Amino acid sequence: MNIPETVIVLGIPYTVERGGCEPDESGYCSPTKRVIGIREGLCREQEEQVFLHELIHAVLTGLAYDEEYENERLVQGLAVGLHQALFGPTSSS
């Protein structure tokens, strides 16, 4: 997956940046600044999952799901599930 430099979330453009993360975080979503940040130096799979995680935060903000925005367990579960569905191995019948 190529991480885009910009993404439109429910009609709102977000810039995707590398770096700017706090020491204890792999990424961040700033709805007020319309920025998704991803830690530099992650492997491809981690970068993809972090992007999806922060993208989910942006979608939840756009939908005004404030309680769900703070639910890291839900957001991470959705990110990992989407990553696996989109990029994981497939079985052939």
PDB file of N, CA and C in Angstrom:
ATOM      1  N   MET A   1       0.857  -1.180   0.000  1.00  0.00           N
ATOM      2  CA  MET A   1       0.000   0.000   0.000  1.00  0.00           C
ATOM      3  C   MET A   1       0.897   1.235   0.000  1.00  0.00           C
ATOM      4  N   ASN A   2       0.647   2.122  -0.906  1.00  0.00           N
ATOM      5  CA  ASN A   2       1.332   3.406  -0.888  1.00  0.00           C
ATOM      6  C   ASN A   2       0.516   4.378  -0.050  1.00  0.00           C
ATOM      7  N   ILE A   3       1.129   4.893   1.004  1.00  0.00           N
ATOM      8  CA  ILE A   3       0.456   5.856   1.858  1.00  0.00           C
ATOM      9  C   ILE A   3       0.387   7.178   1.098  1.00  0.00           C
ATOM     10  N   PRO A   4      -0.810   7.746   0.924  1.00  0.00           N
ATOM     11  CA  PRO A   4      -0.925   8.996   0.165  1.00  0.00           C
ATOM     12  C   PRO A   4      -0.406  10.193   0.967  1.00  0.00           C
ATOM     13  N   GLU A   5      -0.083  11.262   0.254  1.00  0.00           N
ATOM     14  CA  GLU A   5       0.339  12.506   0.907  1.00  0.00           C
ATOM     15  C   GLU A   5      -0.857  13.305   1.409  1.00  0.00           C
ATOM     16  N   THR A   6      -2.004  13.095   0.783  1.00  0.00           N
ATOM     17  CA  THR A   6      -3.259  13.702   1.231  1.00  0.00           C
ATOM     18  C   THR A   6      -4.364  12.658   1.097  1.00  0.00           C
ATOM     19  N   VAL A   7      -5.385  12.821   1.920  1.00  0.00           N
ATOM     20  CA  VAL A   7      -6.532  11.923   1.873  1.00  0.00           C
ATOM     21  C   VAL A   7      -7.768  12.761   2.193  1.00  0.00           C
ATOM     22  N   ILE A   8      -8.868  12.466   1.520  1.00  0.00           N
ATOM     23  CA  ILE A   8     -10.131  13.164   1.768  1.00  0.00           C
ATOM     24  C   ILE A   8     -10.984  12.271   2.658  1.00  0.00           C
ATOM     25  N   VAL A   9     -11.357  12.790   3.822  1.00  0.00           N
ATOM     26  CA  VAL A   9     -12.153  12.032   4.784  1.00  0.00           C
ATOM     27  C   VAL A   9     -13.496  12.739   4.943  1.00  0.00           C
ATOM     28  N   LEU A  10     -14.553  12.118   4.408  1.00  0.00           N
ATOM     29  CA  LEU A  10     -15.893  12.687   4.473  1.00  0.00           C
ATOM     30  C   LEU A  10     -15.903  14.131   3.970  1.00  0.00           C
ATOM     31  N   GLY A  11     -15.181  14.360   2.883  1.00  0.00           N
ATOM     32  CA  GLY A  11     -15.135  15.672   2.254  1.00  0.00           C
ATOM     33  C   GLY A  11     -14.094  16.629   2.814  1.00  0.00           C
ATOM     34  N   ILE A  12     -13.371  16.215   3.843  1.00  0.00           N
ATOM     35  CA  ILE A  12     -12.370  17.063   4.490  1.00  0.00           C
ATOM     36  C   ILE A  12     -10.974  16.577   4.094  1.00  0.00           C
ATOM     37  N   PRO A  13     -10.147  17.444   3.518  1.00  0.00           N
ATOM     38  CA  PRO A  13      -8.785  17.015   3.164  1.00  0.00           C
ATOM     39  C   PRO A  13      -7.874  16.971   4.387  1.00  0.00           C
ATOM     40  N   TYR A  14      -7.126  15.888   4.505  1.00  0.00           N
ATOM     41  CA  TYR A  14      -6.110  15.716   5.543  1.00  0.00           C
ATOM     42  C   TYR A  14      -4.755  15.568   4.855  1.00  0.00           C
ATOM     43  N   THR A  15      -3.746  16.207   5.401  1.00  0.00           N
ATOM     44  CA  THR A  15      -2.375  16.015   4.960  1.00  0.00           C
ATOM     45  C   THR A  15      -1.791  14.859   5.760  1.00  0.00           C
ATOM     46  N   VAL A  16      -1.039  13.997   5.097  1.00  0.00           N
ATOM     47  CA  VAL A  16      -0.376  12.891   5.770  1.00  0.00           C
ATOM     48  C   VAL A  16       1.107  13.237   5.861  1.00  0.00           C
ATOM     49  N   GLU A  17       1.613  13.265   7.094  1.00  0.00           N
ATOM     50  CA  GLU A  17       3.006  13.647   7.334  1.00  0.00           C
ATOM     51  C   GLU A  17       3.774  12.505   7.957  1.00  0.00           C
ATOM     52  N   ARG A  18       5.072  12.484   7.721  1.00  0.00           N
ATOM     53  CA  ARG A  18       5.973  11.546   8.402  1.00  0.00           C
ATOM     54  C   ARG A  18       6.662  12.321   9.529  1.00  0.00           C
ATOM     55  N   GLY A  19       6.676  11.743  10.716  1.00  0.00           N
ATOM     56  CA  GLY A  19       7.348  12.360  11.850  1.00  0.00           C
ATOM     57  C   GLY A  19       6.402  13.225  12.661  1.00  0.00           C
ATOM     58  N   GLY A  20       6.979  13.926  13.643  1.00  0.00           N
ATOM     59  CA  GLY A  20       6.200  14.802  14.505  1.00  0.00           C
ATOM     60  C   GLY A  20       5.473  14.090  15.617  1.00  0.00           C
ATOM     61  N   CYS A  21       5.759  12.799  15.802  1.00  0.00           N
ATOM     62  CA  CYS A  21       5.084  12.012  16.827  1.00  0.00           C
ATOM     63  C   CYS A  21       5.775  12.178  18.175  1.00  0.00           C
ATOM     64  N   GLU A  22       4.984  12.032  19.222  1.00  0.00           N
ATOM     65  CA  GLU A  22       5.528  12.003  20.573  1.00  0.00           C
ATOM     66  C   GLU A  22       6.324  10.706  20.738  1.00  0.00           C
ATOM     67  N   PRO A  23       7.252  10.668  21.701  1.00  0.00           N
ATOM     68  CA  PRO A  23       8.086   9.473  21.868  1.00  0.00           C
ATOM     69  C   PRO A  23       7.315   8.175  22.085  1.00  0.00           C
ATOM     70  N   ASP A  24       6.133   8.257  22.694  1.00  0.00           N
ATOM     71  CA  ASP A  24       5.373   7.045  23.003  1.00  0.00           C
ATOM     72  C   ASP A  24       4.260   6.747  22.004  1.00  0.00           C
ATOM     73  N   GLU A  25       4.269   7.385  20.844  1.00  0.00           N
ATOM     74  CA  GLU A  25       3.197   7.138  19.874  1.00  0.00           C
ATOM     75  C   GLU A  25       3.761   6.795  18.496  1.00  0.00           C
ATOM     76  N   SER A  26       2.990   5.988  17.778  1.00  0.00           N
ATOM     77  CA  SER A  26       3.370   5.607  16.417  1.00  0.00           C
ATOM     78  C   SER A  26       2.725   6.511  15.380  1.00  0.00           C
ATOM     79  N   GLY A  27       1.696   7.245  15.783  1.00  0.00           N
ATOM     80  CA  GLY A  27       1.016   8.140  14.867  1.00  0.00           C
ATOM     81  C   GLY A  27       0.058   9.028  15.629  1.00  0.00           C
ATOM     82  N   TYR A  28      -0.560   9.937  14.903  1.00  0.00           N
ATOM     83  CA  TYR A  28      -1.543  10.824  15.517  1.00  0.00           C
ATOM     84  C   TYR A  28      -2.495  11.329  14.446  1.00  0.00           C
ATOM     85  N   CYS A  29      -3.648  11.772  14.908  1.00  0.00           N
ATOM     86  CA  CYS A  29      -4.638  12.415  14.052  1.00  0.00           C
ATOM     87  C   CYS A  29      -4.988  13.744  14.707  1.00  0.00           C
ATOM     88  N   SER A  30      -4.842  14.814  13.957  1.00  0.00           N
ATOM     89  CA  SER A  30      -5.209  16.138  14.452  1.00  0.00           C
ATOM     90  C   SER A  30      -6.341  16.675  13.587  1.00  0.00           C
ATOM     91  N   PRO A  31      -7.593  16.449  14.012  1.00  0.00           N
ATOM     92  CA  PRO A  31      -8.725  16.935  13.228  1.00  0.00           C
ATOM     93  C   PRO A  31      -8.731  18.458  13.077  1.00  0.00           C
ATOM     94  N   THR A  32      -8.275  19.187  14.086  1.00  0.00           N
ATOM     95  CA  THR A  32      -8.292  20.648  13.982  1.00  0.00           C
ATOM     96  C   THR A  32      -7.280  21.153  12.961  1.00  0.00           C
ATOM     97  N   LYS A  33      -6.136  20.476  12.868  1.00  0.00           N
ATOM     98  CA  LYS A  33      -5.118  20.859  11.877  1.00  0.00           C
ATOM     99  C   LYS A  33      -5.274  20.094  10.568  1.00  0.00           C
ATOM    100  N   ARG A  34      -6.152  19.087  10.588  1.00  0.00           N
ATOM    101  CA  ARG A  34      -6.393  18.228   9.427  1.00  0.00           C
ATOM    102  C   ARG A  34      -5.103  17.540   8.973  1.00  0.00           C
ATOM    103  N   VAL A  35      -4.463  16.907   9.950  1.00  0.00           N
ATOM    104  CA  VAL A  35      -3.197  16.226   9.711  1.00  0.00           C
ATOM    105  C   VAL A  35      -3.239  14.830  10.313  1.00  0.00           C
ATOM    106  N   ILE A  36      -2.722  13.876   9.564  1.00  0.00           N
ATOM    107  CA  ILE A  36      -2.451  12.531  10.066  1.00  0.00           C
ATOM    108  C   ILE A  36      -0.936  12.389  10.046  1.00  0.00           C
ATOM    109  N   GLY A  37      -0.363  12.027  11.189  1.00  0.00           N
ATOM    110  CA  GLY A  37       1.079  11.860  11.293  1.00  0.00           C
ATOM    111  C   GLY A  37       1.447  10.409  11.528  1.00  0.00           C
ATOM    112  N   ILE A  38       2.550   9.990  10.913  1.00  0.00           N
ATOM    113  CA  ILE A  38       3.041   8.620  11.043  1.00  0.00           C
ATOM    114  C   ILE A  38       4.513   8.677  11.431  1.00  0.00           C
ATOM    115  N   ARG A  39       4.880   7.930  12.461  1.00  0.00           N
ATOM    116  CA  ARG A  39       6.268   7.886  12.910  1.00  0.00           C
ATOM    117  C   ARG A  39       7.178   7.419  11.773  1.00  0.00           C
ATOM    118  N   GLU A  40       8.300   8.054  11.653  1.00  0.00           N
ATOM    119  CA  GLU A  40       9.301   7.630  10.679  1.00  0.00           C
ATOM    120  C   GLU A  40      10.005   6.373  11.179  1.00  0.00           C
ATOM    121  N   GLY A  41      10.444   5.548  10.256  1.00  0.00           N
ATOM    122  CA  GLY A  41      11.241   4.374  10.598  1.00  0.00           C
ATOM    123  C   GLY A  41      10.453   3.108  10.872  1.00  0.00           C
ATOM    124  N   LEU A  42       9.146   3.136  10.688  1.00  0.00           N
ATOM    125  CA  LEU A  42       8.346   1.926  10.879  1.00  0.00           C
ATOM    126  C   LEU A  42       8.496   1.014   9.662  1.00  0.00           C
ATOM    127  N   CYS A  43       8.337  -0.281   9.872  1.00  0.00           N
ATOM    128  CA  CYS A  43       8.312  -1.186   8.723  1.00  0.00           C
ATOM    129  C   CYS A  43       7.015  -0.936   7.940  1.00  0.00           C
ATOM    130  N   ARG A  44       6.956  -1.444   6.730  1.00  0.00           N
ATOM    131  CA  ARG A  44       5.812  -1.187   5.846  1.00  0.00           C
ATOM    132  C   ARG A  44       4.483  -1.587   6.481  1.00  0.00           C
ATOM    133  N   GLU A  45       4.427  -2.776   7.090  1.00  0.00           N
ATOM    134  CA  GLU A  45       3.180  -3.247   7.688  1.00  0.00           C
ATOM    135  C   GLU A  45       2.752  -2.355   8.849  1.00  0.00           C
ATOM    136  N   GLN A  46       3.698  -1.946   9.680  1.00  0.00           N
ATOM    137  CA  GLN A  46       3.364  -1.055  10.792  1.00  0.00           C
ATOM    138  C   GLN A  46       2.874   0.291  10.270  1.00  0.00           C
ATOM    139  N   GLU A  47       3.549   0.819   9.264  1.00  0.00           N
ATOM    140  CA  GLU A  47       3.151   2.103   8.689  1.00  0.00           C
ATOM    141  C   GLU A  47       1.741   2.034   8.132  1.00  0.00           C
ATOM    142  N   GLU A  48       1.413   0.950   7.443  1.00  0.00           N
ATOM    143  CA  GLU A  48       0.069   0.783   6.890  1.00  0.00           C
ATOM    144  C   GLU A  48      -0.977   0.718   8.001  1.00  0.00           C
ATOM    145  N   GLN A  49      -0.689  -0.050   9.051  1.00  0.00           N
ATOM    146  CA  GLN A  49      -1.643  -0.162  10.148  1.00  0.00           C
ATOM    147  C   GLN A  49      -1.812   1.158  10.887  1.00  0.00           C
ATOM    148  N   VAL A  50      -0.720   1.881  11.085  1.00  0.00           N
ATOM    149  CA  VAL A  50      -0.811   3.181  11.757  1.00  0.00           C
ATOM    150  C   VAL A  50      -1.631   4.141  10.903  1.00  0.00           C
ATOM    151  N   PHE A  51      -1.396   4.150   9.595  1.00  0.00           N
ATOM    152  CA  PHE A  51      -2.182   5.012   8.711  1.00  0.00           C
ATOM    153  C   PHE A  51      -3.670   4.671   8.821  1.00  0.00           C
ATOM    154  N   LEU A  52      -4.015   3.401   8.750  1.00  0.00           N
ATOM    155  CA  LEU A  52      -5.423   3.003   8.865  1.00  0.00           C
ATOM    156  C   LEU A  52      -5.987   3.382  10.227  1.00  0.00           C
ATOM    157  N   HIS A  53      -5.226   3.188  11.285  1.00  0.00           N
ATOM    158  CA  HIS A  53      -5.652   3.552  12.645  1.00  0.00           C
ATOM    159  C   HIS A  53      -5.996   5.038  12.716  1.00  0.00           C
ATOM    160  N   GLU A  54      -5.101   5.876  12.231  1.00  0.00           N
ATOM    161  CA  GLU A  54      -5.331   7.323  12.294  1.00  0.00           C
ATOM    162  C   GLU A  54      -6.442   7.749  11.336  1.00  0.00           C
ATOM    163  N   LEU A  55      -6.564   7.076  10.218  1.00  0.00           N
ATOM    164  CA  LEU A  55      -7.649   7.351   9.278  1.00  0.00           C
ATOM    165  C   LEU A  55      -9.005   7.048   9.923  1.00  0.00           C
ATOM    166  N   ILE A  56      -9.078   5.979  10.693  1.00  0.00           N
ATOM    167  CA  ILE A  56     -10.311   5.643  11.407  1.00  0.00           C
ATOM    168  C   ILE A  56     -10.648   6.741  12.411  1.00  0.00           C
ATOM    169  N   HIS A  57      -9.638   7.252  13.114  1.00  0.00           N
ATOM    170  CA  HIS A  57      -9.879   8.384  14.020  1.00  0.00           C
ATOM    171  C   HIS A  57     -10.485   9.559  13.246  1.00  0.00           C
ATOM    172  N   ALA A  58      -9.946   9.852  12.069  1.00  0.00           N
ATOM    173  CA  ALA A  58     -10.456  10.966  11.263  1.00  0.00           C
ATOM    174  C   ALA A  58     -11.900  10.727  10.839  1.00  0.00           C
ATOM    175  N   VAL A  59     -12.223   9.503  10.455  1.00  0.00           N
ATOM    176  CA  VAL A  59     -13.603   9.172  10.061  1.00  0.00           C
ATOM    177  C   VAL A  59     -14.531   9.332  11.262  1.00  0.00           C
ATOM    178  N   LEU A  60     -14.127   8.836  12.416  1.00  0.00           N
ATOM    179  CA  LEU A  60     -14.961   8.952  13.614  1.00  0.00           C
ATOM    180  C   LEU A  60     -15.200  10.408  13.982  1.00  0.00           C
ATOM    181  N   THR A  61     -14.184  11.251  13.819  1.00  0.00           N
ATOM    182  CA  THR A  61     -14.362  12.687  14.065  1.00  0.00           C
ATOM    183  C   THR A  61     -15.379  13.265  13.098  1.00  0.00           C
ATOM    184  N   GLY A  62     -15.238  12.927  11.825  1.00  0.00           N
ATOM    185  CA  GLY A  62     -16.154  13.440  10.813  1.00  0.00           C
ATOM    186  C   GLY A  62     -17.593  13.028  11.039  1.00  0.00           C
ATOM    187  N   LEU A  63     -17.771  11.876  11.663  1.00  0.00           N
ATOM    188  CA  LEU A  63     -19.115  11.384  11.960  1.00  0.00           C
ATOM    189  C   LEU A  63     -19.610  11.829  13.337  1.00  0.00           C
ATOM    190  N   ALA A  64     -18.788  12.591  14.049  1.00  0.00           N
ATOM    191  CA  ALA A  64     -19.099  13.090  15.394  1.00  0.00           C
ATOM    192  C   ALA A  64     -19.296  11.962  16.400  1.00  0.00           C
ATOM    193  N   TYR A  65     -18.549  10.869  16.233  1.00  0.00           N
ATOM    194  CA  TYR A  65     -18.556   9.768  17.193  1.00  0.00           C
ATOM    195  C   TYR A  65     -17.452  10.015  18.214  1.00  0.00           C
ATOM    196  N   ASP A  66     -17.677  10.984  19.083  1.00  0.00           N
ATOM    197  CA  ASP A  66     -16.647  11.427  20.014  1.00  0.00           C
ATOM    198  C   ASP A  66     -16.217  10.333  20.996  1.00  0.00           C
ATOM    199  N   GLU A  67     -17.154   9.573  21.519  1.00  0.00           N
ATOM    200  CA  GLU A  67     -16.791   8.508  22.459  1.00  0.00           C
ATOM    201  C   GLU A  67     -15.982   7.424  21.777  1.00  0.00           C
ATOM    202  N   GLU A  68     -16.376   7.060  20.574  1.00  0.00           N
ATOM    203  CA  GLU A  68     -15.655   6.027  19.846  1.00  0.00           C
ATOM    204  C   GLU A  68     -14.274   6.513  19.418  1.00  0.00           C
ATOM    205  N   TYR A  69     -14.123   7.811  19.166  1.00  0.00           N
ATOM    206  CA  TYR A  69     -12.825   8.381  18.799  1.00  0.00           C
ATOM    207  C   TYR A  69     -11.790   8.076  19.881  1.00  0.00           C
ATOM    208  N   GLU A  70     -12.206   8.111  21.137  1.00  0.00           N
ATOM    209  CA  GLU A  70     -11.299   7.874  22.261  1.00  0.00           C
ATOM    210  C   GLU A  70     -11.096   6.388  22.569  1.00  0.00           C
ATOM    211  N   ASN A  71     -11.855   5.523  21.921  1.00  0.00           N
ATOM    212  CA  ASN A  71     -11.796   4.084  22.206  1.00  0.00           C
ATOM    213  C   ASN A  71     -10.669   3.446  21.379  1.00  0.00           C
ATOM    214  N   GLU A  72      -9.462   3.446  21.954  1.00  0.00           N
ATOM    215  CA  GLU A  72      -8.291   2.924  21.237  1.00  0.00           C
ATOM    216  C   GLU A  72      -8.406   1.442  20.917  1.00  0.00           C
ATOM    217  N   ARG A  73      -9.067   0.695  21.769  1.00  0.00           N
ATOM    218  CA  ARG A  73      -9.249  -0.742  21.514  1.00  0.00           C
ATOM    219  C   ARG A  73     -10.086  -0.952  20.252  1.00  0.00           C
ATOM    220  N   LEU A  74     -11.168  -0.219  20.129  1.00  0.00           N
ATOM    221  CA  LEU A  74     -12.019  -0.302  18.943  1.00  0.00           C
ATOM    222  C   LEU A  74     -11.264   0.147  17.698  1.00  0.00           C
ATOM    223  N   VAL A  75     -10.609   1.298  17.785  1.00  0.00           N
ATOM    224  CA  VAL A  75      -9.902   1.855  16.628  1.00  0.00           C
ATOM    225  C   VAL A  75      -8.791   0.906  16.165  1.00  0.00           C
ATOM    226  N   GLN A  76      -8.009   0.390  17.109  1.00  0.00           N
ATOM    227  CA  GLN A  76      -6.923  -0.516  16.733  1.00  0.00           C
ATOM    228  C   GLN A  76      -7.459  -1.821  16.168  1.00  0.00           C
ATOM    229  N   GLY A  77      -8.529  -2.338  16.751  1.00  0.00           N
ATOM    230  CA  GLY A  77      -9.136  -3.558  16.217  1.00  0.00           C
ATOM    231  C   GLY A  77      -9.626  -3.379  14.794  1.00  0.00           C
ATOM    232  N   LEU A  78     -10.258  -2.256  14.521  1.00  0.00           N
ATOM    233  CA  LEU A  78     -10.710  -1.966  13.152  1.00  0.00           C
ATOM    234  C   LEU A  78      -9.527  -1.823  12.205  1.00  0.00           C
ATOM    235  N   ALA A  79      -8.473  -1.150  12.648  1.00  0.00           N
ATOM    236  CA  ALA A  79      -7.299  -0.950  11.796  1.00  0.00           C
ATOM    237  C   ALA A  79      -6.635  -2.280  11.439  1.00  0.00           C
ATOM    238  N   VAL A  80      -6.458  -3.143  12.423  1.00  0.00           N
ATOM    239  CA  VAL A  80      -5.829  -4.447  12.175  1.00  0.00           C
ATOM    240  C   VAL A  80      -6.731  -5.307  11.295  1.00  0.00           C
ATOM    241  N   GLY A  81      -8.031  -5.291  11.565  1.00  0.00           N
ATOM    242  CA  GLY A  81      -8.961  -6.063  10.743  1.00  0.00           C
ATOM    243  C   GLY A  81      -8.990  -5.600   9.298  1.00  0.00           C
ATOM    244  N   LEU A  82      -9.020  -4.285   9.093  1.00  0.00           N
ATOM    245  CA  LEU A  82      -8.981  -3.753   7.726  1.00  0.00           C
ATOM    246  C   LEU A  82      -7.666  -4.088   7.036  1.00  0.00           C
ATOM    247  N   HIS A  83      -6.573  -3.948   7.767  1.00  0.00           N
ATOM    248  CA  HIS A  83      -5.267  -4.255   7.180  1.00  0.00           C
ATOM    249  C   HIS A  83      -5.203  -5.709   6.727  1.00  0.00           C
ATOM    250  N   GLN A  84      -5.666  -6.609   7.580  1.00  0.00           N
ATOM    251  CA  GLN A  84      -5.649  -8.020   7.224  1.00  0.00           C
ATOM    252  C   GLN A  84      -6.549  -8.311   6.022  1.00  0.00           C
ATOM    253  N   ALA A  85      -7.742  -7.713   6.011  1.00  0.00           N
ATOM    254  CA  ALA A  85      -8.675  -7.945   4.904  1.00  0.00           C
ATOM    255  C   ALA A  85      -8.134  -7.396   3.587  1.00  0.00           C
ATOM    256  N   LEU A  86      -7.469  -6.238   3.652  1.00  0.00           N
ATOM    257  CA  LEU A  86      -6.988  -5.599   2.432  1.00  0.00           C
ATOM    258  C   LEU A  86      -5.645  -6.143   1.946  1.00  0.00           C
ATOM    259  N   PHE A  87      -4.773  -6.511   2.885  1.00  0.00           N
ATOM    260  CA  PHE A  87      -3.398  -6.840   2.499  1.00  0.00           C
ATOM    261  C   PHE A  87      -2.926  -8.210   2.961  1.00  0.00           C
ATOM    262  N   GLY A  88      -3.752  -8.930   3.708  1.00  0.00           N
ATOM    263  CA  GLY A  88      -3.346 -10.233   4.194  1.00  0.00           C
ATOM    264  C   GLY A  88      -3.428 -11.291   3.099  1.00  0.00           C
ATOM    265  N   PRO A  89      -2.916 -12.454   3.399  1.00  0.00           N
ATOM    266  CA  PRO A  89      -2.976 -13.549   2.418  1.00  0.00           C
ATOM    267  C   PRO A  89      -4.425 -13.953   2.165  1.00  0.00           C
ATOM    268  N   THR A  90      -4.679 -14.410   0.976  1.00  0.00           N
ATOM    269  CA  THR A  90      -6.020 -14.889   0.633  1.00  0.00           C
ATOM    270  C   THR A  90      -5.946 -16.391   0.401  1.00  0.00           C
ATOM    271  N   SER A  91      -7.058 -17.036   0.607  1.00  0.00           N
ATOM    272  CA  SER A  91      -7.103 -18.484   0.357  1.00  0.00           C
ATOM    273  C   SER A  91      -7.833 -18.723  -0.948  1.00  0.00           C
ATOM    274  N   SER A  92      -7.436 -19.737  -1.622  1.00  0.00           N
ATOM    275  CA  SER A  92      -8.130 -20.090  -2.859  1.00  0.00           C
ATOM    276  C   SER A  92      -8.876 -21.397  -2.645  1.00  0.00           C
ATOM    277  N   SER A  93     -10.099 -21.451  -3.148  1.00  0.00           N
ATOM    278  CA  SER A  93     -10.928 -22.637  -2.939  1.00  0.00           C
ATOM    279  C   SER A  93     -10.776 -23.592  -4.088  1.00  0.00           C
TER     280      SER A  93
END
